[in-house]
């Protein structure tokens, strides 16, 4: 069982940037594909990025491609999500996920 803890969220103005982190413990992080999801109030859960176990391949939906960048440091058991050119519609709770476990989330608010 892996524990995932997100951090780095906050309030930012439109056009700004944030860097989210997700620290994993309790399992073989370096062997797992990882992803980021988000959920805004009243909206469904949305997948926003994925990365292979090695970090060599990344995936994005059209809604965030070119603005968000997922990366990982397997030596630190940490997943990252860099958010650039933020829009008000990016406001949501952001979660890291390995498709078995999910963290508690970190809030991103764009005004």
N, C-alpha and C. Protein backbone atom coordinates (compact mmCIF):
# COMPACT_ATOMS: atom_id res chain seq x y z
N UNK A 1 0.85 -1.19 0.00
CA UNK A 1 0.00 0.00 0.00
C UNK A 1 0.88 1.24 0.00
N UNK A 2 0.62 2.16 -0.91
CA UNK A 2 1.41 3.36 -1.01
C UNK A 2 0.63 4.54 -0.44
N UNK A 3 1.34 5.43 0.22
CA UNK A 3 0.73 6.67 0.70
C UNK A 3 1.24 7.82 -0.17
N UNK A 4 0.34 8.67 -0.58
CA UNK A 4 0.67 9.78 -1.45
C UNK A 4 0.26 11.08 -0.77
N UNK A 5 1.17 12.03 -0.72
CA UNK A 5 0.90 13.31 -0.06
C UNK A 5 1.24 14.45 -1.02
N UNK A 6 0.21 15.20 -1.41
CA UNK A 6 0.41 16.33 -2.31
C UNK A 6 0.69 17.62 -1.55
N UNK A 7 1.38 18.52 -2.21
CA UNK A 7 1.64 19.84 -1.65
C UNK A 7 1.90 20.81 -2.79
N UNK A 8 1.95 22.11 -2.45
CA UNK A 8 2.31 23.10 -3.44
C UNK A 8 1.15 23.91 -4.00
N UNK A 9 -0.07 23.55 -3.64
CA UNK A 9 -1.20 24.31 -4.13
C UNK A 9 -1.25 25.70 -3.50
N UNK A 10 -2.16 26.51 -3.97
CA UNK A 10 -2.30 27.85 -3.43
C UNK A 10 -3.19 28.70 -4.31
N UNK A 11 -3.19 29.99 -4.03
CA UNK A 11 -3.98 30.96 -4.79
C UNK A 11 -3.05 31.74 -5.69
N UNK A 12 -3.44 31.91 -6.93
CA UNK A 12 -2.61 32.59 -7.91
C UNK A 12 -3.50 33.34 -8.88
N UNK A 13 -2.97 34.38 -9.46
CA UNK A 13 -3.73 35.13 -10.47
C UNK A 13 -3.65 34.43 -11.81
N UNK A 14 -4.64 34.66 -12.63
CA UNK A 14 -4.65 34.10 -13.97
C UNK A 14 -3.36 34.48 -14.70
N UNK A 15 -2.80 33.50 -15.39
CA UNK A 15 -1.53 33.70 -16.07
C UNK A 15 -0.33 33.28 -15.25
N UNK A 16 -0.57 33.03 -13.97
CA UNK A 16 0.51 32.65 -13.08
C UNK A 16 0.86 31.19 -13.16
N UNK A 17 1.78 30.79 -12.26
CA UNK A 17 2.31 29.42 -12.27
C UNK A 17 2.35 28.86 -10.85
N UNK A 18 2.29 27.55 -10.78
CA UNK A 18 2.48 26.83 -9.53
C UNK A 18 3.20 25.53 -9.83
N UNK A 19 3.86 24.99 -8.83
CA UNK A 19 4.47 23.66 -8.96
C UNK A 19 3.96 22.78 -7.84
N UNK A 20 3.26 21.73 -8.22
CA UNK A 20 2.74 20.78 -7.25
C UNK A 20 3.73 19.64 -7.06
N UNK A 21 3.76 19.10 -5.86
CA UNK A 21 4.59 17.94 -5.56
C UNK A 21 3.74 16.85 -4.94
N UNK A 22 4.18 15.62 -5.12
CA UNK A 22 3.51 14.48 -4.51
C UNK A 22 4.59 13.52 -4.05
N UNK A 23 4.66 13.32 -2.74
CA UNK A 23 5.66 12.43 -2.17
C UNK A 23 5.02 11.09 -1.85
N UNK A 24 5.69 10.02 -2.28
CA UNK A 24 5.15 8.68 -2.09
C UNK A 24 5.95 7.93 -1.03
N UNK A 25 5.28 7.07 -0.30
CA UNK A 25 5.96 6.22 0.67
C UNK A 25 5.22 4.90 0.77
N UNK A 26 5.95 3.86 1.14
CA UNK A 26 5.31 2.58 1.41
C UNK A 26 5.23 1.62 0.25
N UNK A 27 5.75 2.00 -0.89
CA UNK A 27 5.71 1.08 -2.02
C UNK A 27 6.79 1.43 -3.03
N UNK A 28 6.89 0.67 -4.09
CA UNK A 28 7.93 0.88 -5.09
C UNK A 28 7.49 1.96 -6.07
N UNK A 29 7.70 3.20 -5.66
CA UNK A 29 7.28 4.34 -6.48
C UNK A 29 7.90 4.28 -7.87
N UNK A 30 9.17 3.91 -7.93
CA UNK A 30 9.90 3.95 -9.20
C UNK A 30 9.39 2.91 -10.19
N UNK A 31 8.59 1.96 -9.74
CA UNK A 31 8.06 0.93 -10.63
C UNK A 31 6.65 1.24 -11.10
N UNK A 32 6.10 2.37 -10.67
CA UNK A 32 4.69 2.68 -10.93
C UNK A 32 4.51 3.82 -11.90
N UNK A 33 3.59 3.63 -12.85
CA UNK A 33 3.09 4.77 -13.61
C UNK A 33 2.31 5.66 -12.65
N UNK A 34 2.38 6.95 -12.88
CA UNK A 34 1.70 7.90 -11.99
C UNK A 34 0.91 8.90 -12.82
N UNK A 35 -0.03 9.53 -12.16
CA UNK A 35 -0.82 10.54 -12.86
C UNK A 35 -1.31 11.62 -11.92
N UNK A 36 -1.81 12.67 -12.50
CA UNK A 36 -2.48 13.74 -11.77
C UNK A 36 -3.91 13.84 -12.27
N UNK A 37 -4.80 14.07 -11.33
CA UNK A 37 -6.21 14.29 -11.60
C UNK A 37 -6.63 15.57 -10.90
N UNK A 38 -7.75 16.09 -11.28
CA UNK A 38 -8.30 17.24 -10.56
C UNK A 38 -9.83 17.14 -10.53
N UNK A 39 -10.39 17.81 -9.56
CA UNK A 39 -11.84 17.86 -9.46
C UNK A 39 -12.27 19.21 -8.93
N UNK A 40 -13.10 19.88 -9.70
CA UNK A 40 -13.66 21.15 -9.29
C UNK A 40 -15.04 20.91 -8.70
N UNK A 41 -15.51 21.79 -7.83
CA UNK A 41 -16.84 21.61 -7.24
C UNK A 41 -17.92 21.47 -8.30
N UNK A 42 -18.73 20.44 -8.17
CA UNK A 42 -19.82 20.22 -9.09
C UNK A 42 -19.42 19.62 -10.42
N UNK A 43 -18.13 19.30 -10.57
CA UNK A 43 -17.66 18.74 -11.83
C UNK A 43 -17.10 17.34 -11.59
N UNK A 44 -16.99 16.58 -12.65
CA UNK A 44 -16.48 15.22 -12.53
C UNK A 44 -14.97 15.22 -12.40
N UNK A 45 -14.45 14.14 -11.91
CA UNK A 45 -13.02 13.91 -11.80
C UNK A 45 -12.40 13.97 -13.20
N UNK A 46 -11.28 14.67 -13.35
CA UNK A 46 -10.66 14.85 -14.65
C UNK A 46 -9.20 14.43 -14.60
N UNK A 47 -8.81 13.51 -15.47
CA UNK A 47 -7.40 13.14 -15.60
C UNK A 47 -6.68 14.24 -16.36
N UNK A 48 -5.51 14.67 -15.86
CA UNK A 48 -4.81 15.79 -16.50
C UNK A 48 -3.38 15.50 -16.89
N UNK A 49 -2.82 14.38 -16.44
CA UNK A 49 -1.48 14.04 -16.90
C UNK A 49 -1.11 12.65 -16.42
N UNK A 50 -0.16 12.03 -17.14
CA UNK A 50 0.35 10.72 -16.75
C UNK A 50 1.81 10.63 -17.12
N UNK A 51 2.52 9.75 -16.42
CA UNK A 51 3.94 9.57 -16.69
C UNK A 51 4.31 8.11 -16.47
N UNK A 52 5.18 7.60 -17.32
CA UNK A 52 5.64 6.22 -17.19
C UNK A 52 6.51 6.06 -15.95
N UNK A 53 6.78 4.82 -15.59
CA UNK A 53 7.57 4.55 -14.38
C UNK A 53 8.96 5.17 -14.46
N UNK A 54 9.56 5.13 -15.62
CA UNK A 54 10.91 5.68 -15.79
C UNK A 54 10.90 7.19 -15.94
N UNK A 55 9.74 7.75 -16.27
CA UNK A 55 9.65 9.18 -16.53
C UNK A 55 9.90 9.53 -17.99
N UNK A 56 10.16 8.54 -18.81
CA UNK A 56 10.52 8.81 -20.19
C UNK A 56 9.36 9.16 -21.10
N UNK A 57 8.16 8.82 -20.67
CA UNK A 57 6.98 9.10 -21.49
C UNK A 57 5.94 9.82 -20.66
N UNK A 58 5.38 10.87 -21.23
CA UNK A 58 4.35 11.64 -20.55
C UNK A 58 3.11 11.76 -21.42
N UNK A 59 1.98 11.99 -20.78
CA UNK A 59 0.70 12.03 -21.46
C UNK A 59 -0.12 13.19 -20.91
N UNK A 60 -0.85 13.85 -21.81
CA UNK A 60 -1.70 14.97 -21.40
C UNK A 60 -2.98 14.98 -22.25
N UNK A 61 -4.07 15.40 -21.66
CA UNK A 61 -5.25 15.65 -22.48
C UNK A 61 -5.10 17.02 -23.15
N UNK A 62 -5.90 17.25 -24.13
CA UNK A 62 -5.81 18.50 -24.89
C UNK A 62 -6.01 19.73 -24.01
N UNK A 63 -6.84 19.57 -22.97
CA UNK A 63 -7.20 20.73 -22.15
C UNK A 63 -6.01 21.37 -21.44
N UNK A 64 -4.94 20.61 -21.20
CA UNK A 64 -3.79 21.16 -20.46
C UNK A 64 -2.47 21.04 -21.22
N UNK A 65 -2.48 20.37 -22.34
CA UNK A 65 -1.23 20.15 -23.08
C UNK A 65 -0.60 21.48 -23.48
N UNK A 66 0.68 21.61 -23.21
CA UNK A 66 1.38 22.84 -23.50
C UNK A 66 1.44 23.81 -22.33
N UNK A 67 0.58 23.59 -21.33
CA UNK A 67 0.58 24.45 -20.15
C UNK A 67 1.05 23.72 -18.90
N UNK A 68 0.76 22.44 -18.81
CA UNK A 68 1.15 21.65 -17.63
C UNK A 68 2.27 20.68 -18.02
N UNK A 69 3.17 20.44 -17.07
CA UNK A 69 4.28 19.50 -17.29
C UNK A 69 4.41 18.58 -16.10
N UNK A 70 4.30 17.28 -16.36
CA UNK A 70 4.48 16.28 -15.31
C UNK A 70 5.91 15.77 -15.36
N UNK A 71 6.47 15.51 -14.19
CA UNK A 71 7.82 14.95 -14.11
C UNK A 71 7.93 14.17 -12.81
N UNK A 72 9.01 13.45 -12.66
CA UNK A 72 9.22 12.67 -11.45
C UNK A 72 10.69 12.56 -11.14
N UNK A 73 10.99 12.38 -9.85
CA UNK A 73 12.34 12.11 -9.38
C UNK A 73 12.26 10.81 -8.58
N UNK A 74 12.61 9.72 -9.21
CA UNK A 74 12.47 8.42 -8.55
C UNK A 74 13.43 8.26 -7.36
N UNK A 75 14.53 8.99 -7.39
CA UNK A 75 15.46 8.94 -6.26
C UNK A 75 14.85 9.56 -5.00
N UNK A 76 13.89 10.47 -5.22
CA UNK A 76 13.23 11.15 -4.10
C UNK A 76 11.80 10.66 -3.90
N UNK A 77 11.37 9.67 -4.68
CA UNK A 77 9.99 9.17 -4.59
C UNK A 77 8.99 10.32 -4.70
N UNK A 78 9.22 11.21 -5.63
CA UNK A 78 8.41 12.41 -5.74
C UNK A 78 7.96 12.64 -7.17
N UNK A 79 6.69 12.99 -7.28
CA UNK A 79 6.06 13.33 -8.55
C UNK A 79 5.79 14.83 -8.55
N UNK A 80 5.91 15.46 -9.71
CA UNK A 80 5.69 16.90 -9.81
C UNK A 80 4.68 17.22 -10.91
N UNK A 81 4.05 18.36 -10.77
CA UNK A 81 3.22 18.90 -11.84
C UNK A 81 3.43 20.40 -11.88
N UNK A 82 4.01 20.88 -12.96
CA UNK A 82 4.21 22.31 -13.13
C UNK A 82 3.02 22.86 -13.91
N UNK A 83 2.40 23.86 -13.34
CA UNK A 83 1.21 24.49 -13.93
C UNK A 83 1.59 25.88 -14.40
N UNK A 84 1.46 26.14 -15.67
CA UNK A 84 1.78 27.46 -16.24
C UNK A 84 0.56 28.02 -16.95
N UNK A 85 0.59 29.33 -17.17
CA UNK A 85 -0.50 30.02 -17.88
C UNK A 85 -1.85 29.63 -17.30
N UNK A 86 -1.94 29.69 -15.99
CA UNK A 86 -3.15 29.22 -15.32
C UNK A 86 -4.37 30.07 -15.68
N UNK A 87 -5.50 29.39 -15.75
CA UNK A 87 -6.78 30.01 -16.07
C UNK A 87 -7.74 29.80 -14.90
N UNK A 88 -8.76 30.62 -14.84
CA UNK A 88 -9.71 30.47 -13.74
C UNK A 88 -10.35 29.08 -13.75
N UNK A 89 -10.51 28.51 -14.92
CA UNK A 89 -11.11 27.18 -15.00
C UNK A 89 -10.19 26.07 -14.53
N UNK A 90 -8.95 26.39 -14.21
CA UNK A 90 -8.04 25.41 -13.62
C UNK A 90 -8.25 25.28 -12.11
N UNK A 91 -9.09 26.11 -11.54
CA UNK A 91 -9.37 26.03 -10.11
C UNK A 91 -10.00 24.68 -9.78
N UNK A 92 -9.36 23.96 -8.87
CA UNK A 92 -9.81 22.60 -8.51
C UNK A 92 -8.93 22.05 -7.40
N UNK A 93 -9.34 20.91 -6.88
CA UNK A 93 -8.47 20.13 -5.99
C UNK A 93 -7.68 19.20 -6.90
N UNK A 94 -6.37 19.18 -6.71
CA UNK A 94 -5.48 18.38 -7.54
C UNK A 94 -4.97 17.19 -6.74
N UNK A 95 -5.01 16.01 -7.37
CA UNK A 95 -4.62 14.77 -6.71
C UNK A 95 -3.57 14.03 -7.53
N UNK A 96 -2.61 13.43 -6.85
CA UNK A 96 -1.75 12.47 -7.53
C UNK A 96 -2.32 11.08 -7.29
N UNK A 97 -2.03 10.19 -8.21
CA UNK A 97 -2.75 8.92 -8.24
C UNK A 97 -1.92 7.90 -8.98
N UNK A 98 -1.91 6.66 -8.48
CA UNK A 98 -1.24 5.59 -9.20
C UNK A 98 -2.26 4.56 -9.69
N UNK A 99 -3.47 4.95 -9.81
CA UNK A 99 -4.61 4.14 -10.25
C UNK A 99 -4.97 3.04 -9.26
N UNK A 100 -4.36 3.12 -8.07
CA UNK A 100 -4.77 2.26 -6.95
C UNK A 100 -4.97 3.10 -5.69
N UNK A 101 -4.16 4.12 -5.55
CA UNK A 101 -4.21 4.98 -4.38
C UNK A 101 -4.20 6.44 -4.82
N UNK A 102 -4.76 7.29 -3.99
CA UNK A 102 -4.82 8.71 -4.28
C UNK A 102 -4.51 9.47 -2.99
N UNK A 103 -3.83 10.61 -3.15
CA UNK A 103 -3.55 11.43 -1.99
C UNK A 103 -4.76 12.23 -1.56
N UNK A 104 -4.54 13.10 -0.57
CA UNK A 104 -5.64 13.88 -0.02
C UNK A 104 -5.94 15.12 -0.85
N UNK A 105 -5.04 15.44 -1.74
CA UNK A 105 -5.25 16.57 -2.64
C UNK A 105 -4.64 17.86 -2.15
N UNK A 106 -4.41 18.77 -3.09
CA UNK A 106 -3.94 20.11 -2.78
C UNK A 106 -4.76 21.08 -3.64
N UNK A 107 -5.24 22.15 -3.00
CA UNK A 107 -6.16 23.07 -3.67
C UNK A 107 -5.41 24.09 -4.51
N UNK A 108 -5.86 24.28 -5.74
CA UNK A 108 -5.36 25.33 -6.61
C UNK A 108 -6.53 26.27 -6.92
N UNK A 109 -6.33 27.55 -6.62
CA UNK A 109 -7.36 28.56 -6.88
C UNK A 109 -6.77 29.63 -7.77
N UNK A 110 -7.40 29.87 -8.91
CA UNK A 110 -6.93 30.86 -9.87
C UNK A 110 -8.00 31.95 -9.99
N UNK A 111 -7.59 33.17 -9.77
CA UNK A 111 -8.55 34.29 -9.83
C UNK A 111 -8.16 35.32 -10.87
